[in-house]
C-alpha atoms as a PDB file:
ATOM      1  CA  UNK A   1      -6.238-143.417 -70.600  1.00  0.00           C
ATOM      2  CA  UNK A   2      -7.472-141.108 -72.997  1.00  0.00           C
ATOM      3  CA  UNK A   3     -10.957-141.201 -72.234  1.00  0.00           C
ATOM      4  CA  UNK A   4     -11.081-139.241 -69.237  1.00  0.00           C
ATOM      5  CA  UNK A   5      -8.624-136.509 -71.224  1.00  0.00           C
ATOM      6  CA  UNK A   6     -11.812-134.885 -72.872  1.00  0.00           C
ATOM      7  CA  UNK A   7     -13.603-134.205 -69.430  1.00  0.00           C
ATOM      8  CA  UNK A   8     -10.563-132.925 -67.833  1.00  0.00           C
ATOM      9  CA  UNK A   9     -10.345-130.284 -70.893  1.00  0.00           C
ATOM     10  CA  UNK A  10     -13.942-129.452 -71.029  1.00  0.00           C
ATOM     11  CA  UNK A  11     -14.168-129.214 -67.355  1.00  0.00           C
ATOM     12  CA  UNK A  12     -11.067-126.423 -67.335  1.00  0.00           C
ATOM     13  CA  UNK A  13     -12.665-124.704 -70.015  1.00  0.00           C
ATOM     14  CA  UNK A  14     -15.805-124.368 -67.937  1.00  0.00           C
ATOM     15  CA  UNK A  15     -14.046-123.462 -64.835  1.00  0.00           C
ATOM     16  CA  UNK A  16     -11.461-120.831 -67.182  1.00  0.00           C
ATOM     17  CA  UNK A  17     -15.137-119.421 -68.644  1.00  0.00           C
ATOM     18  CA  UNK A  18     -16.605-119.240 -65.340  1.00  0.00           C
ATOM     19  CA  UNK A  19     -13.621-117.357 -63.521  1.00  0.00           C
ATOM     20  CA  UNK A  20     -13.583-114.894 -66.777  1.00  0.00           C
ATOM     21  CA  UNK A  21     -17.020-114.329 -66.120  1.00  0.00           C
ATOM     22  CA  UNK A  22     -16.488-113.488 -62.650  1.00  0.00           C
ATOM     23  CA  UNK A  23     -14.086-111.511 -62.874  1.00  0.00           C
ATOM     24  CA  UNK A  24     -15.621-109.866 -65.834  1.00  0.00           C
ATOM     25  CA  UNK A  25     -18.814-109.436 -63.446  1.00  0.00           C
ATOM     26  CA  UNK A  26     -16.635-108.324 -60.650  1.00  0.00           C
ATOM     27  CA  UNK A  27     -14.604-105.551 -62.603  1.00  0.00           C
ATOM     28  CA  UNK A  28     -18.206-104.373 -64.505  1.00  0.00           C
ATOM     29  CA  UNK A  29     -19.793-104.101 -61.134  1.00  0.00           C
ATOM     30  CA  UNK A  30     -17.215-102.064 -59.646  1.00  0.00           C
ATOM     31  CA  UNK A  31     -16.589 -99.972 -62.059  1.00  0.00           C
ATOM     32  CA  UNK A  32     -21.412 -99.628 -62.225  1.00  0.00           C
ATOM     33  CA  UNK A  33     -20.872 -98.804 -58.127  1.00  0.00           C
ATOM     34  CA  UNK A  34     -17.836 -96.501 -59.136  1.00  0.00           C
ATOM     35  CA  UNK A  35     -19.531 -94.938 -61.415  1.00  0.00           C
ATOM     36  CA  UNK A  36     -22.695 -94.959 -59.530  1.00  0.00           C
ATOM     37  CA  UNK A  37     -20.515 -93.670 -56.835  1.00  0.00           C
ATOM     38  CA  UNK A  38     -19.204 -90.606 -58.825  1.00  0.00           C
ATOM     39  CA  UNK A  39     -22.458 -89.522 -59.670  1.00  0.00           C
ATOM     40  CA  UNK A  40     -23.864 -89.276 -56.868  1.00  0.00           C
ATOM     41  CA  UNK A  41     -20.980 -87.807 -54.943  1.00  0.00           C
ATOM     42  CA  UNK A  42     -20.424 -84.987 -57.547  1.00  0.00           C
ATOM     43  CA  UNK A  43     -24.562 -84.658 -57.076  1.00  0.00           C
ATOM     44  CA  UNK A  44     -23.691 -83.793 -53.149  1.00  0.00           C
ATOM     45  CA  UNK A  45     -21.151 -82.013 -54.157  1.00  0.00           C
ATOM     46  CA  UNK A  46     -23.111 -79.706 -56.469  1.00  0.00           C
ATOM     47  CA  UNK A  47     -26.090 -79.494 -53.989  1.00  0.00           C
ATOM     48  CA  UNK A  48     -23.618 -78.393 -51.288  1.00  0.00           C
ATOM     49  CA  UNK A  49     -22.743 -75.849 -53.352  1.00  0.00           C
ATOM     50  CA  UNK A  50     -25.871 -74.288 -54.359  1.00  0.00           C
ATOM     51  CA  UNK A  51     -26.652 -74.660 -50.862  1.00  0.00           C
ATOM     52  CA  UNK A  52     -23.136 -72.803 -49.588  1.00  0.00           C
ATOM     53  CA  UNK A  53     -24.002 -70.033 -52.850  1.00  0.00           C
ATOM     54  CA  UNK A  54     -27.959 -69.375 -51.559  1.00  0.00           C
ATOM     55  CA  UNK A  55     -26.485 -69.406 -47.869  1.00  0.00           C
ATOM     56  CA  UNK A  56     -23.802 -66.993 -48.910  1.00  0.00           C
ATOM     57  CA  UNK A  57     -26.965 -64.781 -50.845  1.00  0.00           C
ATOM     58  CA  UNK A  58     -28.860 -65.006 -48.012  1.00  0.00           C
ATOM     59  CA  UNK A  59     -26.284 -63.985 -45.537  1.00  0.00           C
ATOM     60  CA  UNK A  60     -25.092 -61.356 -48.146  1.00  0.00           C
ATOM     61  CA  UNK A  61     -28.880 -59.866 -48.073  1.00  0.00           C
ATOM     62  CA  UNK A  62     -29.553 -60.283 -44.619  1.00  0.00           C
ATOM     63  CA  UNK A  63     -26.006 -58.029 -43.899  1.00  0.00           C
ATOM     64  CA  UNK A  64     -27.802 -55.576 -46.478  1.00  0.00           C
ATOM     65  CA  UNK A  65     -30.767 -55.045 -44.650  1.00  0.00           C
ATOM     66  CA  UNK A  66     -29.051 -54.879 -41.176  1.00  0.00           C
ATOM     67  CA  UNK A  67     -26.557 -52.041 -42.710  1.00  0.00           C
ATOM     68  CA  UNK A  68     -30.147 -50.692 -44.163  1.00  0.00           C
ATOM     69  CA  UNK A  69     -31.584 -50.704 -40.384  1.00  0.00           C
ATOM     70  CA  UNK A  70     -28.623 -49.849 -38.762  1.00  0.00           C
ATOM     71  CA  UNK A  71     -28.655 -46.826 -41.177  1.00  0.00           C
ATOM     72  CA  UNK A  72     -31.928 -45.627 -40.512  1.00  0.00           C
ATOM     73  CA  UNK A  73     -31.499 -46.219 -37.245  1.00  0.00           C
ATOM     74  CA  UNK A  74     -28.916 -44.497 -36.823  1.00  0.00           C
ATOM     75  CA  UNK A  75     -30.624 -41.247 -39.043  1.00  0.00           C
ATOM     76  CA  UNK A  76     -33.270 -41.524 -36.117  1.00  0.00           C
ATOM     77  CA  UNK A  77     -30.758 -40.987 -33.685  1.00  0.00           C
ATOM     78  CA  UNK A  78     -28.869 -38.706 -35.346  1.00  0.00           C
ATOM     79  CA  UNK A  79     -31.768 -36.440 -35.760  1.00  0.00           C
ATOM     80  CA  UNK A  80     -33.896 -37.664 -32.446  1.00  0.00           C
ATOM     81  CA  UNK A  81     -30.491 -35.923 -30.635  1.00  0.00           C
ATOM     82  CA  UNK A  82     -30.257 -33.140 -33.290  1.00  0.00           C
ATOM     83  CA  UNK A  83     -33.514 -32.066 -32.081  1.00  0.00           C
ATOM     84  CA  UNK A  84     -32.961 -32.361 -28.678  1.00  0.00           C
ATOM     85  CA  UNK A  85     -30.037 -30.629 -28.487  1.00  0.00           C
ATOM     86  CA  UNK A  86     -31.235 -28.064 -30.387  1.00  0.00           C
ATOM     87  CA  UNK A  87     -34.053 -27.956 -27.517  1.00  0.00           C
ATOM     88  CA  UNK A  88     -31.474 -27.849 -24.934  1.00  0.00           C
ATOM     89  CA  UNK A  89     -29.797 -25.069 -26.340  1.00  0.00           C
ATOM     90  CA  UNK A  90     -33.168 -22.950 -26.527  1.00  0.00           C
ATOM     91  CA  UNK A  91     -34.046 -23.797 -23.113  1.00  0.00           C
ATOM     92  CA  UNK A  92     -30.755 -22.238 -21.635  1.00  0.00           C
ATOM     93  CA  UNK A  93     -30.925 -19.663 -23.515  1.00  0.00           C
ATOM     94  CA  UNK A  94     -34.399 -18.895 -22.501  1.00  0.00           C
ATOM     95  CA  UNK A  95     -33.862 -19.959 -18.573  1.00  0.00           C
ATOM     96  CA  UNK A  96     -30.573 -17.513 -18.815  1.00  0.00           C
ATOM     97  CA  UNK A  97     -33.014 -14.719 -19.811  1.00  0.00           C
ATOM     98  CA  UNK A  98     -35.376 -15.409 -16.918  1.00  0.00           C
ATOM     99  CA  UNK A  99     -32.247 -15.160 -15.003  1.00  0.00           C
ATOM    100  CA  UNK A 100     -31.412 -11.708 -16.584  1.00  0.00           C
ATOM    101  CA  UNK A 101     -35.001 -10.141 -15.886  1.00  0.00           C
ATOM    102  CA  UNK A 102     -35.233 -11.838 -11.749  1.00  0.00           C
ATOM    103  CA  UNK A 103     -31.571 -10.302 -11.668  1.00  0.00           C
ATOM    104  CA  UNK A 104     -34.002  -6.343 -11.964  1.00  0.00           C
ATOM    105  CA  UNK A 105     -34.647  -7.350  -8.527  1.00  0.00           C
ATOM    106  CA  UNK A 106     -31.355  -7.160  -7.113  1.00  0.00           C
ATOM    107  CA  UNK A 107     -31.615  -3.615  -5.895  1.00  0.00           C
ATOM    108  CA  UNK A 108     -34.659  -4.864  -3.871  1.00  0.00           C
ATOM    109  CA  UNK A 109     -32.756  -7.915  -2.314  1.00  0.00           C
ATOM    110  CA  UNK A 110     -29.584  -5.722  -1.727  1.00  0.00           C
ATOM    111  CA  UNK A 111     -31.599  -3.245  -0.084  1.00  0.00           C
ATOM    112  CA  UNK A 112     -34.066  -5.531   1.874  1.00  0.00           C
ATOM    113  CA  UNK A 113     -29.848  -7.619   3.220  1.00  0.00           C
ATOM    114  CA  UNK A 114     -28.910  -4.744   5.329  1.00  0.00           C
ATOM    115  CA  UNK A 115     -32.311  -4.064   6.575  1.00  0.00           C
ATOM    116  CA  UNK A 116     -33.140  -4.683  10.334  1.00  0.00           C
ATOM    117  CA  UNK A 117     -36.881  -6.738   9.052  1.00  0.00           C
ATOM    118  CA  UNK A 118     -38.256  -6.890  12.589  1.00  0.00           C
ATOM    119  CA  UNK A 119     -37.313  -3.726  13.061  1.00  0.00           C
ATOM    120  CA  UNK A 120     -39.313  -2.404   9.447  1.00  0.00           C
ATOM    121  CA  UNK A 121     -42.246  -4.912  10.012  1.00  0.00           C
ATOM    122  CA  UNK A 122     -42.863  -2.961  13.564  1.00  0.00           C
ATOM    123  CA  UNK A 123     -42.429   0.239  11.867  1.00  0.00           C
ATOM    124  CA  UNK A 124     -44.510  -0.275   8.799  1.00  0.00           C
ATOM    125  CA  UNK A 125     -47.183  -1.753  10.715  1.00  0.00           C
ATOM    126  CA  UNK A 126     -47.707   1.577  13.046  1.00  0.00           C
ATOM    127  CA  UNK A 127     -45.943   4.353  10.342  1.00  0.00           C
ATOM    128  CA  UNK A 128     -46.873   5.130   6.875  1.00  0.00           C
ATOM    129  CA  UNK A 129     -44.042   6.918   5.946  1.00  0.00           C
ATOM    130  CA  UNK A 130     -42.279   3.278   6.331  1.00  0.00           C
ATOM    131  CA  UNK A 131     -44.427   2.195   4.195  1.00  0.00           C
ATOM    132  CA  UNK A 132     -43.757   5.018   1.429  1.00  0.00           C
ATOM    133  CA  UNK A 133     -40.095   4.635   2.186  1.00  0.00           C
ATOM    134  CA  UNK A 134     -39.799   0.927   1.144  1.00  0.00           C
ATOM    135  CA  UNK A 135     -42.523   1.296  -1.988  1.00  0.00           C
ATOM    136  CA  UNK A 136     -39.850   3.962  -3.191  1.00  0.00           C
ATOM    137  CA  UNK A 137     -36.255   2.507  -2.365  1.00  0.00           C
ATOM    138  CA  UNK A 138     -37.599  -0.861  -3.687  1.00  0.00           C
ATOM    139  CA  UNK A 139     -38.717  -0.998  -7.068  1.00  0.00           C
ATOM    140  CA  UNK A 140     -39.318  -4.185  -9.422  1.00  0.00           C
ATOM    141  CA  UNK A 141     -41.893  -4.800 -11.687  1.00  0.00           C
ATOM    142  CA  UNK A 142     -44.343  -8.421 -10.627  1.00  0.00           C
ATOM    143  CA  UNK A 143     -45.586  -8.701 -13.559  1.00  0.00           C
ATOM    144  CA  UNK A 144     -42.304  -9.284 -15.755  1.00  0.00           C
ATOM    145  CA  UNK A 145     -41.035 -11.491 -13.104  1.00  0.00           C
ATOM    146  CA  UNK A 146     -43.947 -13.660 -12.564  1.00  0.00           C
ATOM    147  CA  UNK A 147     -43.758 -13.835 -16.584  1.00  0.00           C
ATOM    148  CA  UNK A 148     -40.115 -14.493 -15.986  1.00  0.00           C
ATOM    149  CA  UNK A 149     -40.521 -17.212 -13.408  1.00  0.00           C
ATOM    150  CA  UNK A 150     -43.123 -18.966 -15.827  1.00  0.00           C
ATOM    151  CA  UNK A 151     -40.604 -18.824 -18.732  1.00  0.00           C
ATOM    152  CA  UNK A 152     -38.327 -20.252 -16.536  1.00  0.00           C
ATOM    153  CA  UNK A 153     -40.413 -23.263 -15.453  1.00  0.00           C
ATOM    154  CA  UNK A 154     -41.300 -24.191 -18.908  1.00  0.00           C
ATOM    155  CA  UNK A 155     -37.902 -24.885 -19.668  1.00  0.00           C
ATOM    156  CA  UNK A 156     -37.068 -27.402 -16.768  1.00  0.00           C
ATOM    157  CA  UNK A 157     -37.921 -30.665 -18.568  1.00  0.00           C
ATOM    158  CA  UNK A 158     -34.919 -29.500 -20.819  1.00  0.00           C
ATOM    159  CA  UNK A 159     -32.064 -28.630 -18.688  1.00  0.00           C
ATOM    160  CA  UNK A 160     -30.013 -30.626 -16.320  1.00  0.00           C
ATOM    161  CA  UNK A 161     -30.982 -30.866 -12.949  1.00  0.00           C
ATOM    162  CA  UNK A 162     -27.665 -29.347 -11.916  1.00  0.00           C
ATOM    163  CA  UNK A 163     -28.855 -25.957 -13.892  1.00  0.00           C
ATOM    164  CA  UNK A 164     -32.439 -26.095 -12.556  1.00  0.00           C
ATOM    165  CA  UNK A 165     -30.737 -26.475  -8.681  1.00  0.00           C
ATOM    166  CA  UNK A 166     -28.816 -23.122  -9.229  1.00  0.00           C
ATOM    167  CA  UNK A 167     -31.683 -21.378 -10.609  1.00  0.00           C
ATOM    168  CA  UNK A 168     -34.409 -22.494  -7.855  1.00  0.00           C
ATOM    169  CA  UNK A 169     -32.101 -21.532  -5.426  1.00  0.00           C
ATOM    170  CA  UNK A 170     -31.222 -17.804  -7.172  1.00  0.00           C
ATOM    171  CA  UNK A 171     -34.960 -17.731  -7.589  1.00  0.00           C
ATOM    172  CA  UNK A 172     -35.886 -18.065  -4.018  1.00  0.00           C
ATOM    173  CA  UNK A 173     -33.055 -15.526  -2.668  1.00  0.00           C
ATOM    174  CA  UNK A 174     -34.874 -12.532  -4.609  1.00  0.00           C
ATOM    175  CA  UNK A 175     -38.610 -13.563  -4.512  1.00  0.00           C
ATOM    176  CA  UNK A 176     -37.947 -14.146  -0.614  1.00  0.00           C
ATOM    177  CA  UNK A 177     -36.722 -10.076  -0.685  1.00  0.00           C
ATOM    178  CA  UNK A 178     -39.820  -9.480  -2.696  1.00  0.00           C
ATOM    179  CA  UNK A 179     -41.811 -11.186  -0.043  1.00  0.00           C
ATOM    180  CA  UNK A 180     -40.362  -9.296   2.534  1.00  0.00           C
ATOM    181  CA  UNK A 181     -40.957  -6.209   0.449  1.00  0.00           C
ATOM    182  CA  UNK A 182     -44.659  -6.822   0.074  1.00  0.00           C
ATOM    183  CA  UNK A 183     -45.759  -7.807   3.263  1.00  0.00           C
ATOM    184  CA  UNK A 184     -44.041  -4.604   4.537  1.00  0.00           C
ATOM    185  CA  UNK A 185     -46.541  -2.882   2.146  1.00  0.00           C
ATOM    186  CA  UNK A 186     -49.613  -4.698   3.578  1.00  0.00           C
ATOM    187  CA  UNK A 187     -48.647  -3.227   7.304  1.00  0.00           C
ATOM    188  CA  UNK A 188     -48.916  -6.451   8.907  1.00  0.00           C
ATOM    189  CA  UNK A 189     -47.287  -6.554  12.495  1.00  0.00           C
ATOM    190  CA  UNK A 190     -45.862 -10.133  12.251  1.00  0.00           C
ATOM    191  CA  UNK A 191     -42.993 -11.683   9.805  1.00  0.00           C
ATOM    192  CA  UNK A 192     -44.745 -14.590   8.117  1.00  0.00           C
ATOM    193  CA  UNK A 193     -42.122 -15.602   5.671  1.00  0.00           C
ATOM    194  CA  UNK A 194     -40.135 -18.244   6.077  1.00  0.00           C
ATOM    195  CA  UNK A 195     -36.260 -17.757   6.285  1.00  0.00           C
ATOM    196  CA  UNK A 196     -34.998 -20.970   7.642  1.00  0.00           C
ATOM    197  CA  UNK A 197     -36.030 -22.723   4.232  1.00  0.00           C
ATOM    198  CA  UNK A 198     -34.112 -20.126   2.188  1.00  0.00           C
ATOM    199  CA  UNK A 199     -31.293 -20.590   4.224  1.00  0.00           C
ATOM    200  CA  UNK A 200     -31.487 -24.294   3.650  1.00  0.00           C
ATOM    201  CA  UNK A 201     -31.885 -23.956  -0.084  1.00  0.00           C
ATOM    202  CA  UNK A 202     -29.059 -21.874  -0.503  1.00  0.00           C
ATOM    203  CA  UNK A 203     -26.653 -24.003   1.938  1.00  0.00           C
ATOM    204  CA  UNK A 204     -27.784 -26.784  -0.605  1.00  0.00           C
ATOM    205  CA  UNK A 205     -26.489 -25.362  -3.762  1.00  0.00           C
ATOM    206  CA  UNK A 206     -23.605 -24.125  -1.944  1.00  0.00           C
ATOM    207  CA  UNK A 207     -22.637 -26.285   0.615  1.00  0.00           C
ATOM    208  CA  UNK A 208     -18.964 -24.491   1.299  1.00  0.00           C
ATOM    209  CA  UNK A 209     -20.687 -20.954   1.985  1.00  0.00           C
ATOM    210  CA  UNK A 210     -22.582 -22.861   5.043  1.00  0.00           C
ATOM    211  CA  UNK A 211     -20.763 -21.259   7.566  1.00  0.00           C
ATOM    212  CA  UNK A 212     -21.068 -17.552   6.444  1.00  0.00           C
ATOM    213  CA  UNK A 213     -24.573 -18.375   6.266  1.00  0.00           C
ATOM    214  CA  UNK A 214     -24.832 -19.666   9.535  1.00  0.00           C
ATOM    215  CA  UNK A 215     -22.252 -16.322  11.109  1.00  0.00           C
ATOM    216  CA  UNK A 216     -24.450 -13.976   8.893  1.00  0.00           C
ATOM    217  CA  UNK A 217     -28.011 -15.332   8.412  1.00  0.00           C
ATOM    218  CA  UNK A 218     -30.630 -15.521   5.480  1.00  0.00           C
ATOM    219  CA  UNK A 219     -29.437 -11.517   4.598  1.00  0.00           C
ATOM    220  CA  UNK A 220     -26.061 -13.228   3.501  1.00  0.00           C
ATOM    221  CA  UNK A 221     -27.646 -14.706   0.887  1.00  0.00           C
ATOM    222  CA  UNK A 222     -28.376 -11.704  -1.582  1.00  0.00           C
ATOM    223  CA  UNK A 223     -24.190 -11.791  -1.609  1.00  0.00           C
ATOM    224  CA  UNK A 224     -24.108 -14.852  -3.209  1.00  0.00           C
ATOM    225  CA  UNK A 225     -26.479 -14.167  -6.397  1.00  0.00           C
ATOM    226  CA  UNK A 226     -23.270 -13.887  -8.529  1.00  0.00           C
ATOM    227  CA  UNK A 227     -21.657 -17.351  -7.408  1.00  0.00           C
ATOM    228  CA  UNK A 228     -24.969 -18.897  -8.206  1.00  0.00           C
ATOM    229  CA  UNK A 229     -25.083 -17.424 -11.851  1.00  0.00           C
ATOM    230  CA  UNK A 230     -21.640 -18.536 -12.126  1.00  0.00           C
ATOM    231  CA  UNK A 231     -22.443 -21.665 -11.301  1.00  0.00           C
ATOM    232  CA  UNK A 232     -25.357 -22.041 -13.822  1.00  0.00           C
ATOM    233  CA  UNK A 233     -23.401 -21.123 -16.527  1.00  0.00           C
ATOM    234  CA  UNK A 234     -21.070 -23.786 -15.739  1.00  0.00           C
ATOM    235  CA  UNK A 235     -23.800 -26.000 -15.506  1.00  0.00           C
ATOM    236  CA  UNK A 236     -25.008 -24.906 -18.941  1.00  0.00           C
ATOM    237  CA  UNK A 237     -21.438 -25.464 -20.765  1.00  0.00           C
ATOM    238  CA  UNK A 238     -21.251 -29.502 -18.831  1.00  0.00           C
ATOM    239  CA  UNK A 239     -24.757 -29.433 -20.877  1.00  0.00           C
ATOM    240  CA  UNK A 240     -23.399 -27.954 -23.971  1.00  0.00           C
ATOM    241  CA  UNK A 241     -20.744 -30.296 -24.344  1.00  0.00           C
ATOM    242  CA  UNK A 242     -22.255 -33.161 -23.740  1.00  0.00           C
ATOM    243  CA  UNK A 243     -20.876 -34.195 -20.647  1.00  0.00           C
ATOM    244  CA  UNK A 244     -22.684 -35.765 -17.440  1.00  0.00           C
ATOM    245  CA  UNK A 245     -22.763 -34.390 -14.377  1.00  0.00           C
ATOM    246  CA  UNK A 246     -21.091 -36.825 -11.361  1.00  0.00           C
ATOM    247  CA  UNK A 247     -23.579 -38.252  -9.258  1.00  0.00           C
ATOM    248  CA  UNK A 248     -22.676 -36.382  -5.685  1.00  0.00           C
ATOM    249  CA  UNK A 249     -23.545 -33.283  -7.889  1.00  0.00           C
ATOM    250  CA  UNK A 250     -27.067 -34.937  -9.001  1.00  0.00           C
ATOM    251  CA  UNK A 251     -27.790 -36.223  -5.689  1.00  0.00           C
ATOM    252  CA  UNK A 252     -27.335 -32.899  -4.591  1.00  0.00           C
ATOM    253  CA  UNK A 253     -29.153 -31.066  -7.137  1.00  0.00           C
ATOM    254  CA  UNK A 254     -32.220 -33.178  -6.381  1.00  0.00           C
ATOM    255  CA  UNK A 255     -32.438 -31.813  -2.376  1.00  0.00           C
ATOM    256  CA  UNK A 256     -32.026 -28.820  -3.798  1.00  0.00           C
ATOM    257  CA  UNK A 257     -35.118 -28.732  -6.078  1.00  0.00           C
ATOM    258  CA  UNK A 258     -37.199 -30.727  -3.636  1.00  0.00           C
ATOM    259  CA  UNK A 259     -36.555 -27.904  -0.889  1.00  0.00           C
ATOM    260  CA  UNK A 260     -37.520 -25.234  -3.471  1.00  0.00           C
ATOM    261  CA  UNK A 261     -40.643 -26.933  -4.007  1.00  0.00           C
ATOM    262  CA  UNK A 262     -41.416 -27.013  -0.719  1.00  0.00           C
ATOM    263  CA  UNK A 263     -40.909 -23.510  -0.346  1.00  0.00           C
ATOM    264  CA  UNK A 264     -42.632 -22.560  -2.939  1.00  0.00           C
ATOM    265  CA  UNK A 265     -45.677 -24.479  -1.609  1.00  0.00           C
ATOM    266  CA  UNK A 266     -44.863 -22.616   1.400  1.00  0.00           C
ATOM    267  CA  UNK A 267     -45.093 -19.270  -0.146  1.00  0.00           C
ATOM    268  CA  UNK A 268     -48.097 -20.461  -2.404  1.00  0.00           C
ATOM    269  CA  UNK A 269     -49.441 -20.496   1.244  1.00  0.00           C
ATOM    270  CA  UNK A 270     -48.608 -17.286   2.610  1.00  0.00           C
ATOM    271  CA  UNK A 271     -49.749 -15.209  -0.497  1.00  0.00           C
ATOM    272  CA  UNK A 272     -53.539 -17.303   0.046  1.00  0.00           C
ATOM    273  CA  UNK A 273     -53.390 -16.027   4.092  1.00  0.00           C
ATOM    274  CA  UNK A 274     -52.260 -12.521   2.972  1.00  0.00           C
END
């Protein structure tokens, strides 16, 4: 009976040793895994922090570059706007200077607005005294007027279409009167001026005056010169204040300009025939 006791004891001791070994190995293994995991986790965290820091650094640099670009763009836009605004002011000043020079022909326009032009043509064609009368009464400097119109034409790209439309109507009224006088001086026996085109142009510029123009004819256009001057000044103020004309005004201005260009071509044709 005592023979198997040592065997049991040996087996028990061996089992205990194996259990302890497993327990120790398991503990060491867990510790090793935990240590390695912790190291890897810290490494990942460190990399993430570096990545985040790099991202923040790059983002900050990008923001700085954007700020610089925005500043440069705004500076360029501001410079262009300042230059354009300065040129617009100059254009307005010079266009108004042209208006004042053209205004020297108002007396001629006033005279012709009171003349029966058909009767004047017949008289000038047969009587030199009639020609002399108009030469004496209707005084204007053709060279100055021509220079004024050339000066105005150079400002067209820098003034609003509305301003130019009112100017075109203003110029048309005065040049029409001058054309009448020049034809009388030539002693032609027929009227080759185009009063209908002038009337159409002025009615486009001042539609509320259409009824009066239809009633009194082209001669009534002379009495609208001051209103056109006022309209021009109002349109200048809109430009200088940085405002924008409404669509209706822009559309009407486009029609006025188109009509004025057609009238100019007709006038050039008349001059070439004369």
